[in-house]
PDB file of all heavy atoms in Angstrom:
ATOM      1  N   ASP A   1     100.226  80.165  99.523  1.00  0.00           N
ATOM      2  CA  ASP A   1      99.442  79.968  98.301  1.00  0.00           C
ATOM      3  C   ASP A   1     100.397  79.647  97.147  1.00  0.00           C
ATOM      4  O   ASP A   1     101.612  79.693  97.306  1.00  0.00           O
ATOM      5  CB  ASP A   1      98.548  81.172  97.985  1.00  0.00           C
ATOM      6  CG  ASP A   1      99.319  82.450  97.709  1.00  0.00           C
ATOM      7  OD1 ASP A   1     100.403  82.388  97.092  1.00  0.00           O
ATOM      8  OD2 ASP A   1      98.835  83.521  98.104  1.00  0.00           O
ATOM      9  N   THR A   2      99.852  79.333  96.002  1.00  0.00           N
ATOM     10  CA  THR A   2     100.678  78.901  94.876  1.00  0.00           C
ATOM     11  C   THR A   2     101.632  79.984  94.397  1.00  0.00           C
ATOM     12  O   THR A   2     102.699  79.683  93.876  1.00  0.00           O
ATOM     13  CB  THR A   2      99.799  78.427  93.700  1.00  0.00           C
ATOM     14  OG1 THR A   2      98.895  79.478  93.343  1.00  0.00           O
ATOM     15  CG2 THR A   2      99.020  77.179  94.069  1.00  0.00           C
ATOM     16  N   ALA A   3     101.278  81.252  94.578  1.00  0.00           N
ATOM     17  CA  ALA A   3     102.157  82.339  94.147  1.00  0.00           C
ATOM     18  C   ALA A   3     103.500  82.303  94.879  1.00  0.00           C
ATOM     19  O   ALA A   3     104.518  82.741  94.341  1.00  0.00           O
ATOM     20  CB  ALA A   3     101.480  83.684  94.370  1.00  0.00           C
ATOM     21  N   ASN A   4     103.526  81.762  96.096  1.00  0.00           N
ATOM     22  CA  ASN A   4     104.776  81.679  96.859  1.00  0.00           C
ATOM     23  C   ASN A   4     105.799  80.765  96.187  1.00  0.00           C
ATOM     24  O   ASN A   4     106.997  80.853  96.472  1.00  0.00           O
ATOM     25  CB  ASN A   4     104.517  81.190  98.274  1.00  0.00           C
ATOM     26  CG  ASN A   4     103.667  82.125  99.103  1.00  0.00           C
ATOM     27  OD1 ASN A   4     102.969  81.683 100.007  1.00  0.00           O
ATOM     28  ND2 ASN A   4     103.692  83.415  98.817  1.00  0.00           N
ATOM     29  N   PHE A   5     105.356  79.896  95.288  1.00  0.00           N
ATOM     30  CA  PHE A   5     106.299  78.992  94.632  1.00  0.00           C
ATOM     31  C   PHE A   5     107.218  79.717  93.652  1.00  0.00           C
ATOM     32  O   PHE A   5     108.244  79.186  93.265  1.00  0.00           O
ATOM     33  CB  PHE A   5     105.572  77.823  93.963  1.00  0.00           C
ATOM     34  CG  PHE A   5     105.164  76.778  94.962  1.00  0.00           C
ATOM     35  CD1 PHE A   5     103.859  76.697  95.402  1.00  0.00           C
ATOM     36  CD2 PHE A   5     106.102  75.895  95.483  1.00  0.00           C
ATOM     37  CE1 PHE A   5     103.488  75.751  96.347  1.00  0.00           C
ATOM     38  CE2 PHE A   5     105.742  74.951  96.415  1.00  0.00           C
ATOM     39  CZ  PHE A   5     104.428  74.874  96.846  1.00  0.00           C
ATOM     40  N   GLU A   6     106.857  80.941  93.254  1.00  0.00           N
ATOM     41  CA  GLU A   6     107.787  81.743  92.435  1.00  0.00           C
ATOM     42  C   GLU A   6     109.047  82.023  93.250  1.00  0.00           C
ATOM     43  O   GLU A   6     110.165  81.947  92.744  1.00  0.00           O
ATOM     44  CB  GLU A   6     107.134  83.045  91.980  1.00  0.00           C
ATOM     45  CG  GLU A   6     108.110  84.022  91.340  1.00  0.00           C
ATOM     46  CD  GLU A   6     108.941  83.455  90.195  1.00  0.00           C
ATOM     47  OE1 GLU A   6     108.433  82.616  89.419  1.00  0.00           O
ATOM     48  OE2 GLU A   6     110.123  83.845  90.072  1.00  0.00           O
ATOM     49  N   MET A   7     108.882  82.346  94.516  1.00  0.00           N
ATOM     50  CA  MET A   7     110.023  82.577  95.407  1.00  0.00           C
ATOM     51  C   MET A   7     110.823  81.282  95.576  1.00  0.00           C
ATOM     52  O   MET A   7     112.052  81.298  95.567  1.00  0.00           O
ATOM     53  CB  MET A   7     109.534  83.089  96.760  1.00  0.00           C
ATOM     54  CG  MET A   7     110.619  83.443  97.727  1.00  0.00           C
ATOM     55  SD  MET A   7     111.191  85.146  97.678  1.00  0.00           S
ATOM     56  CE  MET A   7     109.738  86.085  98.020  1.00  0.00           C
ATOM     57  N   VAL A   8     110.132  80.161  95.723  1.00  0.00           N
ATOM     58  CA  VAL A   8     110.800  78.863  95.853  1.00  0.00           C
ATOM     59  C   VAL A   8     111.633  78.588  94.605  1.00  0.00           C
ATOM     60  O   VAL A   8     112.800  78.184  94.693  1.00  0.00           O
ATOM     61  CB  VAL A   8     109.776  77.727  96.079  1.00  0.00           C
ATOM     62  CG1 VAL A   8     110.435  76.359  95.988  1.00  0.00           C
ATOM     63  CG2 VAL A   8     109.083  77.903  97.433  1.00  0.00           C
ATOM     64  N   GLN A   9     111.045  78.817  93.424  1.00  0.00           N
ATOM     65  CA  GLN A   9     111.771  78.577  92.179  1.00  0.00           C
ATOM     66  C   GLN A   9     113.011  79.453  92.079  1.00  0.00           C
ATOM     67  O   GLN A   9     114.062  79.014  91.605  1.00  0.00           O
ATOM     68  CB  GLN A   9     110.848  78.800  90.970  1.00  0.00           C
ATOM     69  CG  GLN A   9     109.785  77.733  90.814  1.00  0.00           C
ATOM     70  CD  GLN A   9     110.380  76.344  90.688  1.00  0.00           C
ATOM     71  OE1 GLN A   9     111.372  76.121  90.003  1.00  0.00           O
ATOM     72  NE2 GLN A   9     109.777  75.384  91.386  1.00  0.00           N
ATOM     73  N   ASN A  10     112.914  80.687  92.522  1.00  0.00           N
ATOM     74  CA  ASN A  10     114.066  81.576  92.523  1.00  0.00           C
ATOM     75  C   ASN A  10     115.171  81.013  93.417  1.00  0.00           C
ATOM     76  O   ASN A  10     116.347  80.997  93.030  1.00  0.00           O
ATOM     77  CB  ASN A  10     113.661  82.980  92.996  1.00  0.00           C
ATOM     78  CG  ASN A  10     114.834  83.934  93.038  1.00  0.00           C
ATOM     79  OD1 ASN A  10     115.484  84.195  92.024  1.00  0.00           O
ATOM     80  ND2 ASN A  10     115.138  84.447  94.217  1.00  0.00           N
ATOM     81  N   LEU A  11     114.829  80.534  94.602  1.00  0.00           N
ATOM     82  CA  LEU A  11     115.825  79.961  95.521  1.00  0.00           C
ATOM     83  C   LEU A  11     116.444  78.682  94.946  1.00  0.00           C
ATOM     84  O   LEU A  11     117.639  78.438  95.104  1.00  0.00           O
ATOM     85  CB  LEU A  11     115.188  79.691  96.885  1.00  0.00           C
ATOM     86  CG  LEU A  11     114.719  80.930  97.650  1.00  0.00           C
ATOM     87  CD1 LEU A  11     113.931  80.526  98.896  1.00  0.00           C
ATOM     88  CD2 LEU A  11     115.889  81.834  98.007  1.00  0.00           C
ATOM     89  N   LEU A  12     115.628  77.897  94.247  1.00  0.00           N
ATOM     90  CA  LEU A  12     116.151  76.674  93.612  1.00  0.00           C
ATOM     91  C   LEU A  12     117.097  77.026  92.463  1.00  0.00           C
ATOM     92  O   LEU A  12     118.164  76.417  92.324  1.00  0.00           O
ATOM     93  CB  LEU A  12     115.000  75.801  93.103  1.00  0.00           C
ATOM     94  CG  LEU A  12     114.164  75.106  94.174  1.00  0.00           C
ATOM     95  CD1 LEU A  12     112.922  74.481  93.550  1.00  0.00           C
ATOM     96  CD2 LEU A  12     114.985  74.077  94.923  1.00  0.00           C
ATOM     97  N   ARG A  13     116.725  78.007  91.625  1.00  0.00           N
ATOM     98  CA  ARG A  13     117.587  78.423  90.511  1.00  0.00           C
ATOM     99  C   ARG A  13     118.954  78.890  91.008  1.00  0.00           C
ATOM    100  O   ARG A  13     119.969  78.679  90.357  1.00  0.00           O
ATOM    101  CB  ARG A  13     116.932  79.556  89.713  1.00  0.00           C
ATOM    102  CG  ARG A  13     115.877  79.133  88.732  1.00  0.00           C
ATOM    103  CD  ARG A  13     115.432  80.271  87.820  1.00  0.00           C
ATOM    104  NE  ARG A  13     114.852  81.398  88.509  1.00  0.00           N
ATOM    105  CZ  ARG A  13     113.556  81.518  88.824  1.00  0.00           C
ATOM    106  NH1 ARG A  13     112.711  80.568  88.496  1.00  0.00           N
ATOM    107  NH2 ARG A  13     113.121  82.591  89.450  1.00  0.00           N
ATOM    108  N   LYS A  14     118.970  79.513  92.170  1.00  0.00           N
ATOM    109  CA  LYS A  14     120.217  80.037  92.731  1.00  0.00           C
ATOM    110  C   LYS A  14     120.913  79.027  93.644  1.00  0.00           C
ATOM    111  O   LYS A  14     121.887  79.359  94.314  1.00  0.00           O
ATOM    112  CB  LYS A  14     119.941  81.345  93.466  1.00  0.00           C
ATOM    113  CG  LYS A  14     119.472  82.406  92.481  1.00  0.00           C
ATOM    114  CD  LYS A  14     119.346  83.761  93.078  1.00  0.00           C
ATOM    115  CE  LYS A  14     118.968  84.725  91.941  1.00  0.00           C
ATOM    116  NZ  LYS A  14     118.958  86.078  92.363  1.00  0.00           N
ATOM    117  N   ASP A  15     120.395  77.788  93.654  1.00  0.00           N
ATOM    118  CA  ASP A  15     120.980  76.683  94.427  1.00  0.00           C
ATOM    119  C   ASP A  15     121.093  77.022  95.924  1.00  0.00           C
ATOM    120  O   ASP A  15     122.058  76.660  96.586  1.00  0.00           O
ATOM    121  CB  ASP A  15     122.342  76.289  93.858  1.00  0.00           C
ATOM    122  CG  ASP A  15     122.763  74.898  94.301  1.00  0.00           C
ATOM    123  OD1 ASP A  15     121.875  74.043  94.504  1.00  0.00           O
ATOM    124  OD2 ASP A  15     123.978  74.681  94.476  1.00  0.00           O
ATOM    125  N   LEU A  16     120.081  77.713  96.433  1.00  0.00           N
ATOM    126  CA  LEU A  16     120.086  78.089  97.846  1.00  0.00           C
ATOM    127  C   LEU A  16     119.270  77.137  98.715  1.00  0.00           C
ATOM    128  O   LEU A  16     119.367  77.181  99.938  1.00  0.00           O
ATOM    129  CB  LEU A  16     119.572  79.519  98.005  1.00  0.00           C
ATOM    130  CG  LEU A  16     120.508  80.587  97.446  1.00  0.00           C
ATOM    131  CD1 LEU A  16     119.830  81.945  97.405  1.00  0.00           C
ATOM    132  CD2 LEU A  16     121.795  80.649  98.254  1.00  0.00           C
ATOM    133  N   LEU A  17     118.472  76.282  98.099  1.00  0.00           N
ATOM    134  CA  LEU A  17     117.730  75.257  98.834  1.00  0.00           C
ATOM    135  C   LEU A  17     118.349  73.901  98.557  1.00  0.00           C
ATOM    136  O   LEU A  17     118.709  73.600  97.419  1.00  0.00           O
ATOM    137  CB  LEU A  17     116.260  75.234  98.410  1.00  0.00           C
ATOM    138  CG  LEU A  17     115.404  76.417  98.816  1.00  0.00           C
ATOM    139  CD1 LEU A  17     113.994  76.267  98.241  1.00  0.00           C
ATOM    140  CD2 LEU A  17     115.344  76.557 100.318  1.00  0.00           C
ATOM    141  N   LYS A  18     118.455  73.081  99.608  1.00  0.00           N
ATOM    142  CA  LYS A  18     119.047  71.755  99.479  1.00  0.00           C
ATOM    143  C   LYS A  18     117.995  70.694  99.815  1.00  0.00           C
ATOM    144  O   LYS A  18     117.260  70.844 100.789  1.00  0.00           O
ATOM    145  CB  LYS A  18     120.233  71.596 100.440  1.00  0.00           C
ATOM    146  CG  LYS A  18     121.264  72.723 100.370  1.00  0.00           C
ATOM    147  CD  LYS A  18     121.982  72.759  99.057  1.00  0.00           C
ATOM    148  CE  LYS A  18     123.014  73.879  99.048  1.00  0.00           C
ATOM    149  NZ  LYS A  18     123.293  74.412  97.774  1.00  0.00           N
ATOM    150  N   PRO A  19     117.920  69.623  99.009  1.00  0.00           N
ATOM    151  CA  PRO A  19     116.949  68.569  99.315  1.00  0.00           C
ATOM    152  C   PRO A  19     117.392  67.756 100.532  1.00  0.00           C
ATOM    153  O   PRO A  19     118.573  67.770 100.865  1.00  0.00           O
ATOM    154  CB  PRO A  19     116.963  67.717  98.040  1.00  0.00           C
ATOM    155  CG  PRO A  19     118.277  67.979  97.396  1.00  0.00           C
ATOM    156  CD  PRO A  19     118.694  69.367  97.811  1.00  0.00           C
ATOM    157  N   PRO A  20     116.474  67.074 101.201  1.00  0.00           N
ATOM    158  CA  PRO A  20     115.037  67.116 100.932  1.00  0.00           C
ATOM    159  C   PRO A  20     114.459  68.452 101.381  1.00  0.00           C
ATOM    160  O   PRO A  20     114.858  68.991 102.395  1.00  0.00           O
ATOM    161  CB  PRO A  20     114.481  65.959 101.769  1.00  0.00           C
ATOM    162  CG  PRO A  20     115.439  65.814 102.901  1.00  0.00           C
ATOM    163  CD  PRO A  20     116.788  66.201 102.354  1.00  0.00           C
ATOM    164  N   TYR A  21     113.514  68.973 100.603  1.00  0.00           N
ATOM    165  CA  TYR A  21     112.897  70.253 100.895  1.00  0.00           C
ATOM    166  C   TYR A  21     111.732  70.029 101.851  1.00  0.00           C
ATOM    167  O   TYR A  21     110.916  69.139 101.639  1.00  0.00           O
ATOM    168  CB  TYR A  21     112.378  70.911  99.611  1.00  0.00           C
ATOM    169  CG  TYR A  21     113.390  70.901  98.493  1.00  0.00           C
ATOM    170  CD1 TYR A  21     113.198  70.116  97.364  1.00  0.00           C
ATOM    171  CD2 TYR A  21     114.556  71.672  98.573  1.00  0.00           C
ATOM    172  CE1 TYR A  21     114.127  70.101  96.332  1.00  0.00           C
ATOM    173  CE2 TYR A  21     115.491  71.664  97.553  1.00  0.00           C
ATOM    174  CZ  TYR A  21     115.270  70.870  96.441  1.00  0.00           C
ATOM    175  OH  TYR A  21     116.195  70.848  95.426  1.00  0.00           O
ATOM    176  N   TRP A  22     111.657  70.833 102.893  1.00  0.00           N
ATOM    177  CA  TRP A  22     110.573  70.714 103.865  1.00  0.00           C
ATOM    178  C   TRP A  22     109.662  71.931 103.720  1.00  0.00           C
ATOM    179  O   TRP A  22     110.084  73.059 103.940  1.00  0.00           O
ATOM    180  CB  TRP A  22     111.112  70.642 105.287  1.00  0.00           C
ATOM    181  CG  TRP A  22     110.011  70.438 106.277  1.00  0.00           C
ATOM    182  CD1 TRP A  22     109.328  71.417 106.943  1.00  0.00           C
ATOM    183  CD2 TRP A  22     109.430  69.204 106.666  1.00  0.00           C
ATOM    184  NE1 TRP A  22     108.371  70.864 107.744  1.00  0.00           N
ATOM    185  CE2 TRP A  22     108.413  69.490 107.592  1.00  0.00           C
ATOM    186  CE3 TRP A  22     109.669  67.871 106.330  1.00  0.00           C
ATOM    187  CZ2 TRP A  22     107.642  68.507 108.190  1.00  0.00           C
ATOM    188  CZ3 TRP A  22     108.905  66.898 106.926  1.00  0.00           C
ATOM    189  CH2 TRP A  22     107.910  67.210 107.838  1.00  0.00           C
ATOM    190  N   PHE A  23     108.416  71.672 103.327  1.00  0.00           N
ATOM    191  CA  PHE A  23     107.444  72.742 103.155  1.00  0.00           C
ATOM    192  C   PHE A  23     106.371  72.656 104.231  1.00  0.00           C
ATOM    193  O   PHE A  23     105.887  71.572 104.546  1.00  0.00           O
ATOM    194  CB  PHE A  23     106.759  72.640 101.783  1.00  0.00           C
ATOM    195  CG  PHE A  23     107.652  73.023 100.647  1.00  0.00           C
ATOM    196  CD1 PHE A  23     108.400  72.058  99.990  1.00  0.00           C
ATOM    197  CD2 PHE A  23     107.760  74.342 100.250  1.00  0.00           C
ATOM    198  CE1 PHE A  23     109.246  72.404  98.943  1.00  0.00           C
ATOM    199  CE2 PHE A  23     108.604  74.695  99.209  1.00  0.00           C
ATOM    200  CZ  PHE A  23     109.346  73.730  98.550  1.00  0.00           C
ATOM    201  N   ASP A  24     106.007  73.812 104.770  1.00  0.00           N
ATOM    202  CA  ASP A  24     104.839  73.944 105.628  1.00  0.00           C
ATOM    203  C   ASP A  24     103.793  74.683 104.816  1.00  0.00           C
ATOM    204  O   ASP A  24     103.985  75.864 104.484  1.00  0.00           O
ATOM    205  CB  ASP A  24     105.155  74.759 106.892  1.00  0.00           C
ATOM    206  CG  ASP A  24     106.010  74.013 107.889  1.00  0.00           C
ATOM    207  OD1 ASP A  24     105.892  72.777 107.976  1.00  0.00           O
ATOM    208  OD2 ASP A  24     106.788  74.669 108.604  1.00  0.00           O
ATOM    209  N   PHE A  25     102.715  73.999 104.454  1.00  0.00           N
ATOM    210  CA  PHE A  25     101.598  74.652 103.786  1.00  0.00           C
ATOM    211  C   PHE A  25     100.693  75.219 104.870  1.00  0.00           C
ATOM    212  O   PHE A  25     100.142  74.470 105.679  1.00  0.00           O
ATOM    213  CB  PHE A  25     100.804  73.663 102.939  1.00  0.00           C
ATOM    214  CG  PHE A  25     101.478  73.226 101.670  1.00  0.00           C
ATOM    215  CD1 PHE A  25     100.856  72.288 100.864  1.00  0.00           C
ATOM    216  CD2 PHE A  25     102.696  73.727 101.267  1.00  0.00           C
ATOM    217  CE1 PHE A  25     101.443  71.869  99.674  1.00  0.00           C
ATOM    218  CE2 PHE A  25     103.296  73.310 100.087  1.00  0.00           C
ATOM    219  CZ  PHE A  25     102.663  72.382  99.294  1.00  0.00           C
TER     220      PHE A  25
END
């Protein structure tokens, strides 16, 4: 759900995710 994107934003702020990002909805 959309609330999970807070966790995504945290990982992006800490440079722990690398593009291209693969999401499973």
